[in-house]
N, C-alpha and C. Protein backbone atom coordinates (compact mmCIF):
# COMPACT_ATOMS: atom_id res chain seq x y z
N UNK A 1 -9.70 106.57 320.63
CA UNK A 1 -10.70 107.24 320.54
C UNK A 1 -11.84 106.17 320.55
N UNK A 2 -13.02 106.53 320.94
CA UNK A 2 -13.84 105.47 320.42
C UNK A 2 -15.09 105.97 319.79
N UNK A 3 -15.43 105.26 318.60
CA UNK A 3 -16.79 105.80 318.07
C UNK A 3 -18.03 104.56 317.84
N UNK A 4 -18.89 105.33 318.08
CA UNK A 4 -20.09 104.06 318.21
C UNK A 4 -20.81 103.93 316.52
N UNK A 5 -21.02 102.94 316.22
CA UNK A 5 -21.49 102.46 315.11
C UNK A 5 -23.08 101.68 315.07
N UNK A 6 -23.91 102.11 314.74
CA UNK A 6 -24.88 101.24 315.11
C UNK A 6 -25.01 100.14 313.55
N UNK A 7 -25.35 98.76 313.92
CA UNK A 7 -25.08 97.78 313.42
C UNK A 7 -26.94 96.99 313.65
N UNK A 8 -26.92 96.29 312.47
CA UNK A 8 -27.93 95.32 312.71
C UNK A 8 -27.95 93.72 312.85
N UNK A 9 -26.62 93.20 312.15
CA UNK A 9 -26.21 92.22 312.32
C UNK A 9 -25.28 92.08 313.19
N UNK A 10 -24.96 91.04 314.24
CA UNK A 10 -23.90 91.41 315.15
C UNK A 10 -22.41 90.75 314.77
N UNK A 11 -22.27 90.36 313.59
CA UNK A 11 -20.94 89.81 312.76
C UNK A 11 -19.99 91.26 312.74
N UNK A 12 -18.93 91.35 313.67
CA UNK A 12 -18.15 92.59 313.22
C UNK A 12 -16.49 92.70 313.46
N UNK A 13 -15.95 92.98 313.17
CA UNK A 13 -14.33 93.14 313.15
C UNK A 13 -13.60 94.22 312.76
N UNK A 14 -12.81 94.57 313.47
CA UNK A 14 -11.79 95.74 312.78
C UNK A 14 -10.41 95.15 311.93
N UNK A 15 -10.03 96.18 311.28
CA UNK A 15 -8.87 95.37 310.18
C UNK A 15 -8.81 96.69 309.19
N UNK A 16 -7.62 96.76 308.93
CA UNK A 16 -6.25 97.30 307.86
C UNK A 16 -6.25 96.64 306.57
N UNK A 17 -6.84 97.66 305.94
CA UNK A 17 -6.47 97.77 304.55
C UNK A 17 -5.11 96.97 303.75
N UNK A 18 -4.98 96.25 303.30
CA UNK A 18 -3.71 95.62 302.81
C UNK A 18 -3.12 96.32 301.17
N UNK A 19 -3.61 95.17 300.38
CA UNK A 19 -3.73 96.17 298.70
C UNK A 19 -4.84 95.39 297.96
N UNK A 20 -5.23 95.67 296.85
CA UNK A 20 -5.63 95.36 295.72
C UNK A 20 -5.26 94.31 295.23
N UNK A 21 -5.53 92.89 294.79
CA UNK A 21 -5.08 91.92 294.20
C UNK A 21 -6.25 91.22 293.16
N UNK A 22 -6.32 90.22 292.84
CA UNK A 22 -6.98 89.40 292.14
C UNK A 22 -6.81 88.00 292.18
N UNK A 23 -8.10 87.04 291.96
CA UNK A 23 -8.13 85.71 291.88
C UNK A 23 -9.02 85.42 291.31
N UNK A 24 -8.68 84.35 290.93
CA UNK A 24 -9.53 83.41 290.05
C UNK A 24 -10.69 82.33 290.64
N UNK A 25 -11.86 82.25 289.76
CA UNK A 25 -12.79 81.36 290.18
C UNK A 25 -12.69 80.00 289.55
N UNK A 26 -13.76 79.45 290.00
CA UNK A 26 -13.18 77.80 289.37
C UNK A 26 -13.60 77.72 287.80
N UNK A 27 -14.30 79.07 287.15
CA UNK A 27 -14.26 79.10 285.70
C UNK A 27 -13.14 79.30 285.13
N UNK A 28 -12.14 80.04 285.90
CA UNK A 28 -10.98 80.77 285.30
C UNK A 28 -11.33 82.32 285.45
N UNK A 29 -12.39 83.01 285.59
CA UNK A 29 -12.59 84.43 285.58
C UNK A 29 -11.95 85.15 287.01
N UNK A 30 -11.48 86.26 286.28
CA UNK A 30 -10.68 87.31 287.12
C UNK A 30 -11.71 87.85 288.21
N UNK A 31 -11.39 87.80 289.59
CA UNK A 31 -12.33 88.80 290.85
C UNK A 31 -11.31 89.32 291.45
N UNK A 32 -11.67 90.80 291.12
CA UNK A 32 -10.41 91.60 291.77
C UNK A 32 -11.14 92.03 293.43
N UNK A 33 -9.79 92.05 293.95
CA UNK A 33 -10.62 91.77 295.47
C UNK A 33 -9.22 92.47 296.18
N UNK A 34 -9.88 93.17 297.57
CA UNK A 34 -9.01 93.67 298.34
C UNK A 34 -8.51 93.05 299.83
N UNK A 35 -7.34 92.80 299.66
CA UNK A 35 -6.86 91.97 300.55
C UNK A 35 -7.08 92.66 302.08
N UNK A 36 -7.69 92.65 303.31
CA UNK A 36 -7.68 93.10 304.25
C UNK A 36 -7.37 92.34 305.77
N UNK A 37 -6.28 92.90 306.56
CA UNK A 37 -5.67 92.10 307.30
C UNK A 37 -6.49 92.32 308.56
N UNK A 38 -7.31 91.40 309.05
CA UNK A 38 -8.40 91.85 310.11
C UNK A 38 -8.49 91.03 311.39
N UNK A 39 -8.32 91.56 312.54
CA UNK A 39 -8.09 91.34 313.78
C UNK A 39 -6.59 90.77 313.67
N UNK A 40 -6.45 89.96 314.98
CA UNK A 40 -7.69 89.36 316.01
C UNK A 40 -8.12 90.46 316.72
N UNK A 41 -9.08 91.01 317.17
CA UNK A 41 -9.40 92.04 317.94
C UNK A 41 -10.36 91.78 319.44
N UNK A 42 -9.84 92.28 320.67
CA UNK A 42 -10.00 91.84 321.98
C UNK A 42 -11.31 92.65 322.55
N UNK A 43 -12.07 91.84 323.10
CA UNK A 43 -13.13 92.73 323.91
C UNK A 43 -12.69 93.61 324.97
N UNK A 44 -12.63 94.93 324.99
CA UNK A 44 -12.19 95.31 326.29
C UNK A 44 -13.38 95.95 326.91
N UNK A 45 -14.89 95.68 326.79
CA UNK A 45 -15.41 96.45 327.38
C UNK A 45 -17.02 96.51 327.32
N UNK A 46 -17.78 96.23 328.28
CA UNK A 46 -19.36 95.84 327.74
C UNK A 46 -20.13 96.90 328.28
N UNK A 47 -20.75 97.49 327.23
CA UNK A 47 -21.45 98.55 327.87
C UNK A 47 -23.05 97.99 328.40
N UNK A 48 -23.56 98.30 329.66
CA UNK A 48 -24.83 97.98 329.64
C UNK A 48 -25.68 98.76 330.33
N UNK A 49 -27.32 99.07 330.09
CA UNK A 49 -27.68 99.46 329.63
C UNK A 49 -28.24 100.43 331.24
N UNK A 50 -28.09 99.58 332.31
CA UNK A 50 -28.24 99.75 333.73
C UNK A 50 -26.97 101.02 334.01
N UNK A 51 -25.95 100.99 333.73
CA UNK A 51 -24.60 101.64 334.07
C UNK A 51 -24.89 102.81 333.12
N UNK A 52 -24.39 102.39 331.84
CA UNK A 52 -23.87 103.37 330.76
C UNK A 52 -24.71 104.08 330.05
N UNK A 53 -26.40 103.60 329.85
CA UNK A 53 -27.66 103.83 329.26
C UNK A 53 -27.67 103.47 328.05
N UNK A 54 -26.69 102.40 327.13
CA UNK A 54 -27.14 101.62 326.62
C UNK A 54 -26.12 100.38 326.30
N UNK A 55 -26.48 99.99 325.43
CA UNK A 55 -25.70 98.25 325.43
C UNK A 55 -24.75 98.53 323.95
N UNK A 56 -23.27 98.24 324.44
CA UNK A 56 -22.65 97.91 323.52
C UNK A 56 -21.39 97.12 323.88
N UNK A 57 -20.63 96.87 322.70
CA UNK A 57 -19.40 96.00 322.96
C UNK A 57 -18.13 96.78 322.22
N UNK A 58 -17.27 97.36 323.17
CA UNK A 58 -16.23 97.95 323.08
C UNK A 58 -14.65 96.86 322.46
N UNK A 59 -14.31 97.25 321.46
CA UNK A 59 -13.36 96.35 320.88
C UNK A 59 -11.77 96.68 321.01
N UNK A 60 -10.78 96.20 320.63
CA UNK A 60 -9.80 96.83 320.40
C UNK A 60 -8.31 96.21 319.53
N UNK A 61 -7.99 96.93 318.33
CA UNK A 61 -7.28 96.54 317.55
C UNK A 61 -5.70 97.37 317.83
N UNK A 62 -4.82 96.02 317.94
CA UNK A 62 -3.70 96.75 317.90
C UNK A 62 -2.95 96.62 316.48
N UNK A 63 -2.09 97.76 316.05
CA UNK A 63 -1.50 98.04 315.09
C UNK A 63 -0.32 98.61 315.35
N UNK A 64 0.70 97.55 315.32
CA UNK A 64 2.10 98.35 316.01
C UNK A 64 2.18 98.79 317.42
N UNK A 65 2.28 99.88 317.68
CA UNK A 65 2.59 100.24 319.09
C UNK A 65 1.11 100.94 319.08
N UNK A 66 0.14 101.22 318.04
CA UNK A 66 -1.08 102.28 318.72
C UNK A 66 -2.02 101.22 318.88
N UNK A 67 -3.14 101.64 319.85
CA UNK A 67 -4.16 100.58 320.29
C UNK A 67 -5.52 101.69 319.46
N UNK A 68 -6.50 100.73 318.81
CA UNK A 68 -7.39 101.33 318.24
C UNK A 68 -8.73 101.04 319.32
N UNK A 69 -9.29 101.84 319.50
CA UNK A 69 -10.93 101.30 320.13
C UNK A 69 -11.93 101.90 319.37
N UNK A 70 -13.14 100.67 319.24
CA UNK A 70 -14.50 100.97 318.65
C UNK A 70 -15.31 100.73 319.09
N UNK A 71 -16.62 100.80 319.45
CA UNK A 71 -17.59 100.75 320.04
C UNK A 71 -18.53 100.39 318.80
N UNK A 72 -19.06 98.64 319.31
CA UNK A 72 -20.58 98.28 318.14
C UNK A 72 -21.83 98.39 318.87
N UNK A 73 -22.79 98.42 318.59
CA UNK A 73 -23.71 98.59 318.89
C UNK A 73 -25.30 98.58 318.02
N UNK A 74 -25.97 97.60 318.48
CA UNK A 74 -27.46 97.67 317.81
C UNK A 74 -28.62 97.16 318.55
N UNK A 75 -29.84 96.85 317.83
CA UNK A 75 -30.68 96.16 318.54
C UNK A 75 -30.52 94.99 318.37
N UNK A 76 -29.93 94.21 317.33
CA UNK A 76 -30.11 93.01 317.52
C UNK A 76 -28.45 92.42 318.50
N UNK A 77 -28.00 93.46 319.20
CA UNK A 77 -26.71 92.91 319.77
C UNK A 77 -27.21 92.17 321.42
N UNK A 78 -26.40 91.05 321.38
CA UNK A 78 -26.79 90.42 322.86
C UNK A 78 -25.48 90.50 323.07
N UNK A 79 -25.18 91.15 324.33
CA UNK A 79 -23.91 91.45 324.95
C UNK A 79 -23.91 90.37 326.20
N UNK A 80 -24.46 89.35 326.29
CA UNK A 80 -24.40 88.33 326.60
C UNK A 80 -23.36 87.19 326.05
N UNK A 81 -23.40 87.53 324.96
CA UNK A 81 -22.84 86.89 324.16
C UNK A 81 -21.19 87.43 324.28
N UNK A 82 -20.84 88.10 324.97
CA UNK A 82 -19.18 88.71 325.00
C UNK A 82 -18.97 88.95 326.29
N UNK A 83 -17.73 88.45 326.77
CA UNK A 83 -17.04 88.97 327.97
C UNK A 83 -15.83 89.73 327.57
N UNK A 84 -15.51 90.38 329.00
CA UNK A 84 -14.03 90.84 328.40
C UNK A 84 -12.84 90.06 328.08
N UNK A 85 -12.21 90.65 327.24
CA UNK A 85 -11.27 89.77 327.47
C UNK A 85 -11.30 88.49 325.95
N UNK A 86 -12.27 88.64 325.70
CA UNK A 86 -12.83 87.49 324.57
C UNK A 86 -12.27 88.16 323.18
N UNK A 87 -11.67 87.14 322.38
CA UNK A 87 -10.83 87.40 320.92
C UNK A 87 -12.26 87.27 320.05
N UNK A 88 -11.59 87.96 318.94
CA UNK A 88 -12.61 88.15 317.81
C UNK A 88 -11.75 88.10 316.87
N UNK A 89 -11.91 87.22 315.81
CA UNK A 89 -11.01 86.90 314.81
C UNK A 89 -11.89 86.55 313.50
N UNK A 90 -11.05 86.29 312.27
CA UNK A 90 -12.30 86.32 310.85
C UNK A 90 -12.81 85.18 310.92
N UNK A 91 -12.63 84.13 311.89
CA UNK A 91 -13.69 83.20 312.05
C UNK A 91 -15.28 83.65 312.25
N UNK A 92 -15.20 84.67 312.51
CA UNK A 92 -16.93 84.59 312.79
C UNK A 92 -17.42 85.17 311.57
N UNK A 93 -16.97 85.48 310.22
CA UNK A 93 -17.28 85.29 309.04
C UNK A 93 -17.29 84.15 308.07
N UNK A 94 -17.51 83.29 307.37
CA UNK A 94 -17.41 82.55 306.25
C UNK A 94 -17.29 83.46 304.78
N UNK A 95 -17.11 82.18 303.75
CA UNK A 95 -16.83 82.46 302.32
C UNK A 95 -18.11 82.71 301.94
N UNK A 96 -18.59 83.92 301.10
CA UNK A 96 -20.02 84.12 300.74
C UNK A 96 -20.33 85.14 301.47
N UNK A 97 -19.95 85.46 302.53
CA UNK A 97 -21.17 86.81 303.66
C UNK A 97 -20.74 87.87 303.05
N UNK A 98 -22.51 88.39 302.78
CA UNK A 98 -22.46 90.04 302.34
C UNK A 98 -22.28 90.98 303.55
N UNK A 99 -21.12 91.81 303.09
CA UNK A 99 -20.67 92.68 304.72
C UNK A 99 -20.79 94.09 303.95
N UNK A 100 -20.61 95.01 305.21
CA UNK A 100 -20.52 96.91 304.82
C UNK A 100 -19.26 97.11 305.27
N UNK A 101 -18.52 97.79 304.71
CA UNK A 101 -16.88 98.01 304.88
C UNK A 101 -17.29 99.82 304.98
N UNK A 102 -16.66 100.17 306.17
CA UNK A 102 -16.60 101.43 306.55
C UNK A 102 -15.00 102.53 306.90
N UNK A 103 -14.81 103.45 306.26
CA UNK A 103 -13.49 103.85 306.46
C UNK A 103 -13.11 105.06 306.05
N UNK A 104 -12.03 105.80 305.91
CA UNK A 104 -12.19 106.93 305.81
C UNK A 104 -11.06 107.21 303.98
N UNK A 105 -11.81 107.40 303.51
CA UNK A 105 -11.52 107.59 302.14
C UNK A 105 -9.73 108.63 301.65
N UNK A 106 -9.40 108.03 300.70
CA UNK A 106 -8.23 109.03 300.28
C UNK A 106 -8.27 110.43 300.10
N UNK A 107 -7.63 111.36 301.10
CA UNK A 107 -7.74 112.77 301.06
C UNK A 107 -6.98 113.01 299.30
N UNK A 108 -7.87 113.97 298.64
CA UNK A 108 -6.92 114.59 297.65
C UNK A 108 -6.65 115.75 297.51
N UNK A 109 -7.05 116.39 298.58
CA UNK A 109 -6.59 117.98 298.68
C UNK A 109 -7.64 118.98 297.83
N UNK A 110 -7.21 119.97 297.38
CA UNK A 110 -8.31 120.90 296.79
C UNK A 110 -8.23 120.47 295.32
N UNK A 111 -9.78 120.36 294.46
CA UNK A 111 -9.90 120.07 293.58
C UNK A 111 -11.08 121.07 293.39
N UNK A 112 -11.14 121.03 291.75
CA UNK A 112 -12.38 121.78 291.14
C UNK A 112 -13.74 121.47 290.82
N UNK A 113 -14.52 121.94 290.25
CA UNK A 113 -15.72 121.11 290.05
C UNK A 113 -15.79 120.16 289.16
N UNK A 114 -15.14 120.00 288.36
CA UNK A 114 -15.21 119.21 287.42
C UNK A 114 -14.68 118.10 287.80
N UNK A 115 -13.14 117.63 288.70
CA UNK A 115 -12.67 116.50 289.23
C UNK A 115 -13.98 115.88 290.33
N UNK A 116 -14.17 117.19 291.26
CA UNK A 116 -14.94 116.98 292.74
C UNK A 116 -16.23 116.60 292.02
N UNK A 117 -16.91 117.29 291.43
CA UNK A 117 -18.49 116.84 291.03
C UNK A 117 -19.01 115.92 289.91
N UNK A 118 -17.40 115.64 288.85
CA UNK A 118 -17.73 115.52 287.48
C UNK A 118 -18.55 116.07 286.84
N UNK A 119 -18.40 117.38 286.90
CA UNK A 119 -18.67 118.71 285.80
C UNK A 119 -18.71 118.56 284.41
N UNK A 120 -19.05 118.46 283.25
CA UNK A 120 -18.90 118.21 281.93
C UNK A 120 -17.70 119.79 281.58
N UNK A 121 -17.79 120.72 282.42
CA UNK A 121 -17.05 121.68 281.66
C UNK A 121 -17.40 122.50 280.56
N UNK A 122 -16.77 123.35 280.20
CA UNK A 122 -17.09 124.23 279.03
C UNK A 122 -16.87 123.61 277.98
N UNK A 123 -17.68 123.81 276.62
CA UNK A 123 -17.20 123.48 274.98
C UNK A 123 -16.13 124.48 274.80
N UNK A 124 -15.21 123.79 273.63
CA UNK A 124 -13.97 124.23 273.44
C UNK A 124 -14.15 124.95 272.20
N UNK A 125 -15.22 125.98 272.24
CA UNK A 125 -15.37 126.60 270.93
C UNK A 125 -14.52 128.07 271.44
N UNK A 126 -14.49 128.46 269.83
CA UNK A 126 -13.86 130.17 269.92
C UNK A 126 -14.29 131.11 271.37
N UNK A 127 -13.43 131.67 272.14
CA UNK A 127 -13.81 132.38 272.84
C UNK A 127 -13.82 131.30 274.68
N UNK A 128 -13.46 130.39 274.52
CA UNK A 128 -12.82 129.67 276.04
C UNK A 128 -11.71 129.80 276.12
N UNK A 129 -10.73 130.10 275.92
CA UNK A 129 -9.74 129.86 276.29
C UNK A 129 -9.45 130.26 277.94
N UNK A 130 -8.89 129.37 278.33
CA UNK A 130 -8.83 129.19 280.11
C UNK A 130 -9.69 128.81 280.92
N UNK A 131 -10.38 128.54 280.56
CA UNK A 131 -12.32 128.46 280.54
C UNK A 131 -12.86 127.41 280.88
N UNK A 132 -12.35 126.19 279.90
CA UNK A 132 -12.91 124.73 279.89
C UNK A 132 -13.08 124.44 281.21
N UNK A 133 -12.96 124.17 282.04
CA UNK A 133 -12.73 123.32 283.66
C UNK A 133 -13.36 124.51 284.21
N UNK A 134 -13.67 125.56 284.25
CA UNK A 134 -14.04 126.59 285.52
C UNK A 134 -15.90 126.24 285.54
N UNK A 135 -16.42 126.85 286.90
CA UNK A 135 -17.35 126.13 287.29
C UNK A 135 -18.51 127.05 286.38
N UNK A 136 -17.93 127.88 286.41
CA UNK A 136 -19.52 128.70 285.56
C UNK A 136 -20.20 129.96 286.53
N UNK A 137 -21.34 130.06 286.18
CA UNK A 137 -22.10 130.94 287.20
C UNK A 137 -22.37 130.01 288.11
N UNK A 138 -22.60 130.74 289.69
CA UNK A 138 -23.00 129.88 290.57
C UNK A 138 -23.89 130.88 291.45
N UNK A 139 -24.36 131.86 291.33
CA UNK A 139 -25.30 133.01 291.97
C UNK A 139 -26.85 132.55 291.16
N UNK A 140 -27.63 133.72 291.61
CA UNK A 140 -29.05 133.95 291.09
C UNK A 140 -29.17 135.03 291.11
N UNK A 141 -29.91 135.48 290.69
CA UNK A 141 -30.68 137.31 290.37
C UNK A 141 -31.46 137.26 291.86
N UNK A 142 -31.86 136.32 291.84
CA UNK A 142 -32.97 136.29 293.68
C UNK A 142 -32.42 134.88 294.39
N UNK A 143 -31.82 135.04 295.43
CA UNK A 143 -31.57 135.83 296.62
C UNK A 143 -30.57 137.08 296.27
N UNK A 144 -29.98 136.78 295.27
CA UNK A 144 -28.54 137.85 295.19
C UNK A 144 -27.65 137.24 295.86
N UNK A 145 -27.25 135.79 295.90
CA UNK A 145 -26.22 135.60 296.58
C UNK A 145 -26.19 133.67 296.40
N UNK A 146 -24.82 133.02 296.48
CA UNK A 146 -24.68 131.98 296.63
C UNK A 146 -25.73 130.79 297.16
N UNK A 147 -26.38 130.06 296.77
CA UNK A 147 -27.23 129.09 297.83
C UNK A 147 -26.35 128.11 298.44
N UNK A 148 -26.61 127.94 299.48
CA UNK A 148 -26.26 127.05 300.47
C UNK A 148 -26.03 125.74 300.17
N UNK A 149 -24.93 124.90 299.87
CA UNK A 149 -25.05 123.50 299.59
C UNK A 149 -24.71 123.40 298.00
N UNK A 150 -24.38 124.81 297.33
CA UNK A 150 -23.70 124.28 295.99
C UNK A 150 -22.65 123.72 296.07
N UNK A 151 -22.33 122.92 294.83
CA UNK A 151 -21.56 122.00 294.35
C UNK A 151 -20.55 123.32 293.75
N UNK A 152 -19.16 123.29 294.41
CA UNK A 152 -18.26 123.95 294.22
C UNK A 152 -16.78 123.67 294.34
N UNK A 153 -15.90 124.10 293.68
CA UNK A 153 -14.54 123.76 294.47
C UNK A 153 -14.43 123.37 295.77
N UNK A 154 -13.40 122.69 296.09
CA UNK A 154 -13.08 122.57 297.40
C UNK A 154 -12.26 121.25 298.03
N UNK A 155 -12.52 121.04 298.81
CA UNK A 155 -11.57 119.90 299.45
C UNK A 155 -12.12 118.47 299.39
N UNK A 156 -11.62 117.94 298.52
CA UNK A 156 -12.01 116.05 298.00
C UNK A 156 -11.24 115.13 298.98
N UNK A 157 -12.52 114.46 299.32
CA UNK A 157 -11.61 113.00 299.87
C UNK A 157 -11.72 113.31 301.25
N UNK A 158 -11.28 112.02 301.95
CA UNK A 158 -10.79 112.33 303.20
C UNK A 158 -12.48 112.30 304.62
N UNK A 159 -13.29 111.67 304.01
CA UNK A 159 -14.12 111.57 304.79
C UNK A 159 -14.64 110.08 304.80
N UNK A 160 -15.92 109.99 305.65
CA UNK A 160 -16.20 108.74 306.11
C UNK A 160 -17.09 108.09 304.94
N UNK A 161 -16.29 106.62 304.67
CA UNK A 161 -16.92 106.13 303.37
C UNK A 161 -17.83 105.15 304.17
N UNK A 162 -19.01 104.73 303.78
CA UNK A 162 -19.58 102.97 303.59
C UNK A 162 -20.09 102.41 302.89
N UNK A 163 -19.34 101.28 302.35
CA UNK A 163 -20.11 100.88 300.88
C UNK A 163 -20.57 99.10 301.79
N UNK A 164 -21.55 99.10 300.97
CA UNK A 164 -22.72 98.08 301.23
C UNK A 164 -22.44 97.11 300.10
N UNK A 165 -23.27 95.70 300.50
CA UNK A 165 -23.20 95.07 299.66
C UNK A 165 -21.57 94.31 299.32
N UNK A 166 -21.05 94.41 299.96
CA UNK A 166 -19.56 94.11 299.61
C UNK A 166 -19.82 91.88 299.94
N UNK A 167 -18.62 91.34 299.07
CA UNK A 167 -18.96 89.92 299.73
C UNK A 167 -17.48 89.56 299.63
N UNK A 168 -17.17 88.19 300.78
CA UNK A 168 -16.15 88.10 301.50
C UNK A 168 -15.81 86.81 300.06
N UNK A 169 -14.67 87.02 299.18
CA UNK A 169 -14.23 85.72 298.67
C UNK A 169 -13.73 84.70 299.27
N UNK A 170 -12.39 85.07 299.94
CA UNK A 170 -11.62 83.93 300.52
C UNK A 170 -11.30 84.87 301.62
N UNK A 171 -11.18 83.56 303.04
CA UNK A 171 -10.64 83.37 304.00
C UNK A 171 -9.56 82.79 304.52
N UNK A 172 -8.45 83.94 304.94
CA UNK A 172 -7.49 82.99 305.59
C UNK A 172 -7.00 83.23 306.92
N UNK A 173 -7.55 81.80 307.50
CA UNK A 173 -7.33 82.17 308.77
C UNK A 173 -6.54 81.82 309.92
N UNK A 174 -5.07 81.56 308.94
CA UNK A 174 -4.01 80.95 309.84
C UNK A 174 -3.34 83.13 310.07
N UNK A 175 -3.18 83.55 308.93
CA UNK A 175 -2.65 85.12 308.47
C UNK A 175 -3.57 86.26 308.96
N UNK A 176 -5.29 85.70 309.08
CA UNK A 176 -6.06 86.46 309.52
C UNK A 176 -6.37 87.29 308.88
N UNK A 177 -6.28 87.13 307.35
CA UNK A 177 -6.77 88.04 306.27
C UNK A 177 -8.12 87.41 305.52
N UNK A 178 -8.86 89.05 305.17
CA UNK A 178 -10.12 88.67 304.37
C UNK A 178 -10.09 89.01 302.84
N UNK A 179 -10.55 88.08 301.88
CA UNK A 179 -9.89 88.95 300.91
C UNK A 179 -11.59 89.61 300.28
N UNK A 180 -11.93 90.68 300.11
CA UNK A 180 -13.40 91.38 299.89
C UNK A 180 -13.28 91.91 298.52
N UNK A 181 -14.70 91.06 297.54
CA UNK A 181 -14.43 91.51 296.35
C UNK A 181 -14.49 92.86 295.86
N UNK A 182 -14.07 93.36 295.22
CA UNK A 182 -14.12 94.88 294.72
C UNK A 182 -13.29 95.86 295.75
N UNK A 183 -13.67 97.13 295.53
CA UNK A 183 -12.77 98.29 296.66
C UNK A 183 -13.47 98.33 297.58
N UNK A 184 -12.52 98.97 298.76
CA UNK A 184 -13.28 99.04 299.98
C UNK A 184 -12.61 101.01 300.07
N UNK A 185 -12.88 101.98 301.21
CA UNK A 185 -11.98 103.03 301.08
C UNK A 185 -11.19 103.38 301.68
N UNK A 186 -10.28 103.83 301.20
CA UNK A 186 -8.81 104.39 302.03
C UNK A 186 -7.69 103.98 301.12
N UNK A 187 -6.58 104.27 301.98
CA UNK A 187 -5.13 103.50 301.10
C UNK A 187 -4.90 102.89 302.10
N UNK A 188 -3.80 102.09 301.55
CA UNK A 188 -3.01 100.52 302.41
C UNK A 188 -2.68 101.08 303.79
N UNK A 189 -3.58 100.89 304.68
CA UNK A 189 -3.38 100.89 306.22
C UNK A 189 -4.18 101.84 306.72
N UNK A 190 -5.46 101.58 306.03
CA UNK A 190 -6.76 102.22 306.62
C UNK A 190 -7.06 101.26 307.44
N UNK A 191 -7.32 102.10 308.42
CA UNK A 191 -8.89 101.10 309.54
C UNK A 191 -10.09 100.88 308.93
N UNK A 192 -10.64 100.04 308.86
CA UNK A 192 -11.76 99.50 308.28
C UNK A 192 -12.42 98.66 309.14
N UNK A 193 -14.02 99.24 309.34
CA UNK A 193 -14.86 98.47 310.27
C UNK A 193 -15.65 97.79 309.13
N UNK A 194 -15.85 95.96 309.43
CA UNK A 194 -16.71 95.64 308.48
C UNK A 194 -17.52 94.59 309.59
N UNK A 195 -18.64 94.91 308.99
CA UNK A 195 -20.00 94.40 309.34
C UNK A 195 -20.67 93.48 308.56
N UNK A 196 -21.13 92.39 309.38
CA UNK A 196 -22.39 91.43 308.21
C UNK A 196 -23.47 92.08 308.35
N UNK A 197 -23.97 91.75 306.66
CA UNK A 197 -25.37 92.26 306.74
C UNK A 197 -26.33 91.08 307.03
């Protein structure tokens, strides 16, 4: 499966989320981090404007028995910097780099409006038995129907999420692990696209 994604800075790598952890800085403060096994990725194809209609770099990440392909393209991409079979590893980043991370969020199944949208629910006064977490009125006299896009109960999570402004705190080049400050989308094993800002 190939997915196109526009990026402005051409630092990128694919990775798999490992787990949350914490590290300590020089002053002894705790920094919550997400550990990501990033790459190494291999360039599989260079898309050229004359042949394909656009410029892009296609890379693969081998995870167990499966092979994942993604395309990266953007106005700052210089395809002359890449060749087929070239390897991209964590050394493209350095500690302190600002990044954005994209991935599929955890699927949480069917959820009510209180959990899904943060609604307050009804007060617990007399007469609200079994009604505390209900949605309440959803329609209107005009146009006598539920307006499209209304926040209602439904499937929660399982969507593509991009988190911007994250920072790389530590890089383990031997094990290909990035320690990213804060939380990133998905559960352990989720495929992540990591791009420089």
